[in-house]
Amino acid sequence: MDDSPLPPPLDPTPTGGGLLKERVEPSFGQKIKKALGPVGVVFVALFSKFKLLVLPVIKFLPVFLKTGGTMFLSVWVYAMAWGWPFAAGFVVLIFIHECGHLLMAKKFGLKVSAPMFIPFMGAFIALKDAPRNAWMEAWVGIGGPLLGTLGACASQGLYLATGNPFYRGLAYTGFFLNLFNLAPIGFLDGGRIVTAVSPWLWVAGLIIVGAMIFTHPNFLLILILLMSLPRLFSLFRAKTDEEKRYFEVTPAQRWTMALMYFGLVAFLVAGMRATHFAPQTRPVVAWMEPSPGRTR
């Protein structure tokens, strides 16, 4: 009988190359990572396939949020006073006006920001590149009123086609909006346009805005006047050679811009007269309200 000791039993969990191994349970994070792995692969594949469509959306998302967001904010604020239909139409007219500036600036190769809307102050685009001369500044300035006037004419066309006085009131508002912006002062469109006609017309703009403040005191008018003073004062100081070159335009350019400017002013005045409601006419938004004796 062999009395030698028996060999020790095999370790079920050897550290080397044993036959048996203990199963390690994966962590929760590893399970999530494994489950989402195919989703990530699908997302990457779709992005690679449709990146020509996705990239422009990502690129212009800030522009959409800035322009679209401030547009909706303006509509909401104006709607509190005038109702949603008129507020939306009014903001669209402002947007068309600003697009005129945008397109003209792009035509001259100037970098500009997207339109930004400020309730009860309209909207603006910021020029990232300054115009190189008065002729270029005048064209960028008149681009807004030109396209904005077409927008007002389209509203009048809708009134003639439908007979709905809402569109006529919107057209009148559009004509007035663009005419007001043609006041030849400071940073208003008119102030930019007359740089190619005669900067001394800024004095006439000062008189016009001053008279409006005297007859109809308004915070916005006062702000426009105050912000226009630095450029107005520049008329009475000595100019550098660079400043003199900025205002140099040919006689043909001066006459062209003068005819466009004063012609547009006359057209807008005629447009306001043609779309003005008689005193006995019901208000612009009255068509949305029930007439006496009629239930909603």
Protein backbone atom coordinates (compact mmCIF):
# COMPACT_ATOMS: atom_id res chain seq x y z
CA MET A 1 0.00 0.00 0.00
CA ASP A 2 1.38 3.37 -1.06
CA ASP A 3 1.40 5.71 1.95
CA SER A 4 2.71 8.76 -0.02
CA PRO A 5 0.61 11.96 0.47
CA LEU A 6 -2.00 12.84 -2.14
CA PRO A 7 -1.31 15.90 -4.39
CA PRO A 8 -3.20 19.08 -3.47
CA PRO A 9 -6.46 19.74 -5.39
CA LEU A 10 -6.43 22.06 -8.37
CA ASP A 11 -7.19 25.74 -7.60
CA PRO A 12 -10.49 26.57 -9.33
CA THR A 13 -9.39 30.15 -9.86
CA PRO A 14 -5.77 29.94 -10.85
CA THR A 15 -3.81 33.03 -11.70
CA GLY A 16 -2.05 31.35 -14.53
CA GLY A 17 -3.40 29.20 -17.28
CA GLY A 18 -5.68 26.97 -15.22
CA LEU A 19 -8.69 25.29 -16.64
CA LEU A 20 -11.35 27.11 -14.57
CA LYS A 21 -11.91 30.91 -14.34
CA GLU A 22 -14.32 32.88 -12.21
CA ARG A 23 -16.80 34.91 -14.30
CA VAL A 24 -16.52 38.71 -13.67
CA GLU A 25 -19.86 40.59 -13.84
CA PRO A 26 -19.55 43.78 -16.04
CA SER A 27 -20.27 47.11 -14.36
CA PHE A 28 -23.35 49.26 -15.11
CA GLY A 29 -21.25 51.74 -17.08
CA GLN A 30 -19.82 48.98 -19.23
CA LYS A 31 -23.32 47.67 -19.95
CA ILE A 32 -24.49 51.14 -21.06
CA LYS A 33 -21.41 51.60 -23.22
CA LYS A 34 -21.96 48.22 -24.85
CA ALA A 35 -25.64 48.93 -25.45
CA LEU A 36 -25.02 52.37 -26.98
CA GLY A 37 -22.17 51.21 -29.13
CA PRO A 38 -24.36 50.28 -32.13
CA VAL A 39 -26.26 53.56 -31.77
CA GLY A 40 -23.01 55.51 -32.01
CA VAL A 41 -21.97 53.56 -35.07
CA VAL A 42 -25.31 54.31 -36.74
CA PHE A 43 -25.06 58.03 -35.81
CA VAL A 44 -21.54 58.32 -37.25
CA ALA A 45 -22.67 56.56 -40.43
CA LEU A 46 -25.67 58.87 -40.85
CA PHE A 47 -23.58 61.96 -40.14
CA SER A 48 -21.01 60.89 -42.73
CA LYS A 49 -23.75 60.35 -45.28
CA PHE A 50 -25.75 63.51 -44.61
CA LYS A 51 -23.00 65.85 -43.42
CA LEU A 52 -23.60 68.16 -46.39
CA LEU A 53 -27.08 68.77 -44.95
CA VAL A 54 -26.16 68.72 -41.26
CA LEU A 55 -23.17 71.06 -41.35
CA PRO A 56 -25.06 74.07 -42.80
CA VAL A 57 -27.76 73.61 -40.14
CA ILE A 58 -25.13 73.59 -37.38
CA LYS A 59 -23.32 76.54 -38.95
CA PHE A 60 -26.43 78.74 -39.20
CA LEU A 61 -28.01 77.65 -35.90
CA PRO A 62 -26.66 80.74 -34.03
CA VAL A 63 -27.98 82.98 -36.81
CA PHE A 64 -31.39 81.35 -36.60
CA LEU A 65 -31.50 81.73 -32.84
CA LYS A 66 -30.43 85.38 -32.97
CA THR A 67 -32.66 86.51 -35.84
CA GLY A 68 -35.55 84.10 -35.42
CA GLY A 69 -35.56 84.34 -31.64
CA THR A 70 -35.60 88.14 -31.57
CA MET A 71 -38.25 88.16 -34.30
CA PHE A 72 -40.58 85.97 -32.24
CA LEU A 73 -39.88 88.10 -29.18
CA SER A 74 -40.80 91.26 -31.10
CA VAL A 75 -43.98 89.66 -32.44
CA TRP A 76 -44.98 88.68 -28.89
CA VAL A 77 -44.33 92.19 -27.54
CA TYR A 78 -46.14 93.97 -30.40
CA ALA A 79 -49.03 91.52 -30.15
CA MET A 80 -49.76 92.79 -26.66
CA ALA A 81 -50.65 96.16 -28.21
CA TRP A 82 -51.90 95.38 -31.73
CA GLY A 83 -52.84 91.70 -31.81
CA TRP A 84 -50.98 88.77 -33.35
CA PRO A 85 -51.82 89.24 -37.06
CA PHE A 86 -50.72 92.86 -37.25
CA ALA A 87 -47.67 92.22 -35.05
CA ALA A 88 -46.51 89.39 -37.33
CA GLY A 89 -47.07 91.49 -40.46
CA PHE A 90 -45.24 94.45 -38.97
CA VAL A 91 -42.19 92.35 -38.03
CA VAL A 92 -42.14 90.79 -41.51
CA LEU A 93 -42.05 94.29 -43.05
CA ILE A 94 -39.11 95.20 -40.81
CA PHE A 95 -37.35 91.96 -41.79
CA ILE A 96 -37.79 92.73 -45.50
CA HIS A 97 -36.34 96.19 -44.90
CA GLU A 98 -33.27 94.78 -43.14
CA CYS A 99 -32.76 92.20 -45.88
CA GLY A 100 -32.38 95.10 -48.30
CA HIS A 101 -29.40 96.38 -46.30
CA LEU A 102 -28.03 92.86 -46.03
CA LEU A 103 -28.19 92.17 -49.77
CA MET A 104 -26.64 95.51 -50.71
CA ALA A 105 -23.80 95.04 -48.21
CA LYS A 106 -23.13 91.57 -49.64
CA LYS A 107 -23.10 93.05 -53.14
CA PHE A 108 -20.18 95.28 -52.12
CA GLY A 109 -18.40 92.45 -50.35
CA LEU A 110 -18.97 93.81 -46.83
CA LYS A 111 -19.28 91.42 -43.90
CA VAL A 112 -22.43 91.99 -41.88
CA SER A 113 -24.19 90.36 -38.97
CA ALA A 114 -27.61 88.76 -39.14
CA PRO A 115 -30.56 91.07 -38.40
CA MET A 116 -31.24 91.63 -34.70
CA PHE A 117 -34.72 92.77 -33.60
CA ILE A 118 -35.35 95.06 -30.62
CA PRO A 119 -39.01 95.57 -29.66
CA PHE A 120 -40.23 99.15 -30.21
CA MET A 121 -36.87 100.08 -31.72
CA GLY A 122 -37.06 98.08 -34.93
CA ALA A 123 -34.07 96.04 -36.03
CA PHE A 124 -30.51 96.50 -37.21
CA ILE A 125 -27.60 94.75 -38.87
CA ALA A 126 -24.04 95.43 -37.75
CA LEU A 127 -21.46 96.15 -40.43
CA LYS A 128 -18.31 94.18 -39.61
CA ASP A 129 -16.51 95.93 -42.48
CA ALA A 130 -16.81 99.71 -42.78
CA PRO A 131 -17.83 101.07 -46.21
CA ARG A 132 -14.80 102.36 -48.09
CA ASN A 133 -16.45 105.56 -49.30
CA ALA A 134 -19.66 107.60 -49.17
CA TRP A 135 -20.96 106.09 -52.42
CA MET A 136 -20.84 102.59 -50.95
CA GLU A 137 -22.37 103.74 -47.65
CA ALA A 138 -25.23 105.42 -49.52
CA TRP A 139 -26.06 102.24 -51.46
CA VAL A 140 -26.07 100.12 -48.30
CA GLY A 141 -28.30 102.73 -46.67
CA ILE A 142 -30.85 102.94 -49.48
CA GLY A 143 -31.06 99.17 -49.95
CA GLY A 144 -33.33 98.81 -46.91
CA PRO A 145 -35.94 101.43 -47.90
CA LEU A 146 -35.97 100.18 -51.51
CA LEU A 147 -36.78 96.58 -50.59
CA GLY A 148 -38.98 97.71 -47.70
CA THR A 149 -41.05 99.83 -50.09
CA LEU A 150 -41.59 96.79 -52.28
CA GLY A 151 -42.84 94.93 -49.20
CA ALA A 152 -45.34 97.72 -48.48
CA CYS A 153 -46.46 97.68 -52.12
CA ALA A 154 -47.02 93.92 -51.84
CA SER A 155 -49.30 94.55 -48.84
CA GLN A 156 -51.29 97.07 -50.86
CA GLY A 157 -51.50 94.52 -53.66
CA LEU A 158 -53.00 92.00 -51.23
CA TYR A 159 -55.57 94.61 -50.20
CA LEU A 160 -56.55 95.26 -53.82
CA ALA A 161 -56.84 91.51 -54.43
CA THR A 162 -58.80 90.64 -51.29
CA GLY A 163 -60.46 93.86 -50.19
CA ASN A 164 -59.27 93.14 -46.64
CA PRO A 165 -58.48 96.49 -44.93
CA PHE A 166 -55.92 94.73 -42.74
CA TYR A 167 -53.46 94.64 -45.64
CA ARG A 168 -54.11 98.29 -46.46
CA GLY A 169 -53.28 99.26 -42.89
CA LEU A 170 -50.14 97.15 -43.08
CA ALA A 171 -49.15 98.85 -46.34
CA TYR A 172 -49.62 102.29 -44.77
CA THR A 173 -47.43 101.22 -41.86
CA GLY A 174 -44.76 99.96 -44.26
CA PHE A 175 -44.71 103.22 -46.23
CA PHE A 176 -44.46 105.24 -43.01
CA LEU A 177 -41.74 102.98 -41.59
CA ASN A 178 -39.51 103.43 -44.64
CA LEU A 179 -40.23 107.16 -44.92
CA PHE A 180 -39.24 107.70 -41.29
CA ASN A 181 -35.96 105.87 -41.89
CA LEU A 182 -35.17 108.27 -44.74
CA ALA A 183 -34.86 111.22 -42.34
CA PRO A 184 -31.39 112.62 -43.22
CA ILE A 185 -29.79 112.36 -39.82
CA GLY A 186 -27.16 110.28 -38.07
CA PHE A 187 -27.36 106.52 -38.30
CA LEU A 188 -30.82 106.42 -39.89
CA ASP A 189 -30.86 105.26 -43.49
CA GLY A 190 -31.37 108.80 -44.75
CA GLY A 191 -28.31 109.98 -42.84
CA ARG A 192 -26.22 107.36 -44.60
CA ILE A 193 -27.69 108.02 -48.03
CA VAL A 194 -27.07 111.78 -48.04
CA THR A 195 -23.36 111.25 -47.39
CA ALA A 196 -23.16 110.81 -51.18
CA VAL A 197 -25.43 113.81 -51.85
CA SER A 198 -24.35 116.43 -49.30
CA PRO A 199 -23.52 115.80 -45.64
CA TRP A 200 -24.91 119.27 -44.90
CA LEU A 201 -28.36 117.72 -45.27
CA TRP A 202 -27.77 116.36 -41.77
CA VAL A 203 -28.63 119.87 -40.57
CA ALA A 204 -32.02 119.54 -42.28
CA GLY A 205 -32.45 116.19 -40.55
CA LEU A 206 -31.69 117.82 -37.21
CA ILE A 207 -34.46 120.36 -37.82
CA ILE A 208 -36.94 117.64 -38.87
CA VAL A 209 -36.26 115.38 -35.89
CA GLY A 210 -36.18 118.37 -33.53
CA ALA A 211 -39.62 119.47 -34.77
CA MET A 212 -40.96 115.93 -34.30
CA ILE A 213 -39.65 115.86 -30.73
CA PHE A 214 -41.25 119.25 -30.03
CA THR A 215 -44.66 118.22 -31.38
CA HIS A 216 -44.60 114.55 -30.33
CA PRO A 217 -42.07 113.95 -27.52
CA ASN A 218 -40.73 110.44 -27.83
CA PHE A 219 -37.83 108.60 -26.19
CA LEU A 220 -36.77 106.95 -29.46
CA LEU A 221 -36.61 110.31 -31.27
CA ILE A 222 -34.53 111.81 -28.47
CA LEU A 223 -32.17 108.81 -28.59
CA ILE A 224 -31.78 109.17 -32.37
CA LEU A 225 -31.00 112.86 -31.98
CA LEU A 226 -28.41 112.31 -29.25
CA MET A 227 -26.66 109.50 -31.14
CA SER A 228 -26.54 111.66 -34.28
CA LEU A 229 -24.80 114.63 -32.67
CA PRO A 230 -21.19 113.38 -33.04
CA ARG A 231 -21.51 113.03 -36.80
CA LEU A 232 -23.36 116.32 -37.02
CA PHE A 233 -20.58 118.12 -35.13
CA SER A 234 -18.02 116.63 -37.54
CA LEU A 235 -19.33 119.02 -40.20
CA PHE A 236 -17.79 121.96 -38.34
CA ARG A 237 -14.31 120.63 -37.67
CA ALA A 238 -11.27 120.28 -39.89
CA LYS A 239 -11.11 116.98 -41.74
CA THR A 240 -8.13 114.78 -42.43
CA ASP A 241 -7.14 113.89 -45.99
CA GLU A 242 -8.57 110.40 -45.47
CA GLU A 243 -11.93 111.83 -44.36
CA LYS A 244 -11.99 114.16 -47.36
CA ARG A 245 -11.37 111.23 -49.71
CA TYR A 246 -14.21 109.28 -48.05
CA PHE A 247 -16.77 111.91 -49.12
CA GLU A 248 -15.42 112.31 -52.65
CA VAL A 249 -18.05 111.32 -55.23
CA THR A 250 -18.40 112.15 -58.90
CA PRO A 251 -21.13 114.57 -60.05
CA ALA A 252 -22.89 111.67 -61.79
CA GLN A 253 -22.89 109.63 -58.57
CA ARG A 254 -24.20 112.60 -56.56
CA TRP A 255 -27.07 113.24 -59.00
CA THR A 256 -27.92 109.54 -59.22
CA MET A 257 -28.21 109.15 -55.46
CA ALA A 258 -30.09 112.46 -55.11
CA LEU A 259 -32.70 111.41 -57.66
CA MET A 260 -33.10 108.00 -56.01
CA TYR A 261 -33.36 109.50 -52.53
CA PHE A 262 -35.83 112.31 -53.21
CA GLY A 263 -37.75 110.13 -55.69
CA LEU A 264 -38.18 107.44 -53.03
CA VAL A 265 -39.30 110.06 -50.48
CA ALA A 266 -41.95 111.33 -52.93
CA PHE A 267 -43.12 107.79 -53.72
CA LEU A 268 -43.48 106.91 -50.04
CA VAL A 269 -45.46 110.08 -49.33
CA ALA A 270 -47.78 109.22 -52.23
CA GLY A 271 -48.06 105.65 -50.91
CA MET A 272 -49.09 106.88 -47.48
CA ARG A 273 -51.74 109.16 -49.00
CA ALA A 274 -53.10 106.32 -51.13
CA THR A 275 -53.38 103.90 -48.20
CA HIS A 276 -54.56 106.35 -45.53
CA PHE A 277 -57.84 105.49 -43.86
CA ALA A 278 -60.50 108.20 -43.73
CA PRO A 279 -61.48 109.29 -40.21
CA GLN A 280 -64.84 107.53 -40.43
CA THR A 281 -63.17 104.26 -41.39
CA ARG A 282 -62.94 101.65 -38.66
CA PRO A 283 -59.49 100.95 -37.19
CA VAL A 284 -57.06 98.65 -38.94
CA VAL A 285 -57.69 95.73 -36.57
CA ALA A 286 -61.46 96.28 -36.45
CA TRP A 287 -62.07 93.60 -39.06
CA MET A 288 -60.92 91.04 -36.50
CA GLU A 289 -63.53 92.15 -33.95
CA PRO A 290 -67.24 91.24 -34.03
CA SER A 291 -69.55 93.96 -35.27
CA PRO A 292 -72.40 95.13 -32.98
CA GLY A 293 -75.10 92.52 -32.64
CA ARG A 294 -72.94 89.64 -33.87
CA THR A 295 -71.73 86.88 -31.60
CA ARG A 296 -68.31 85.25 -31.87
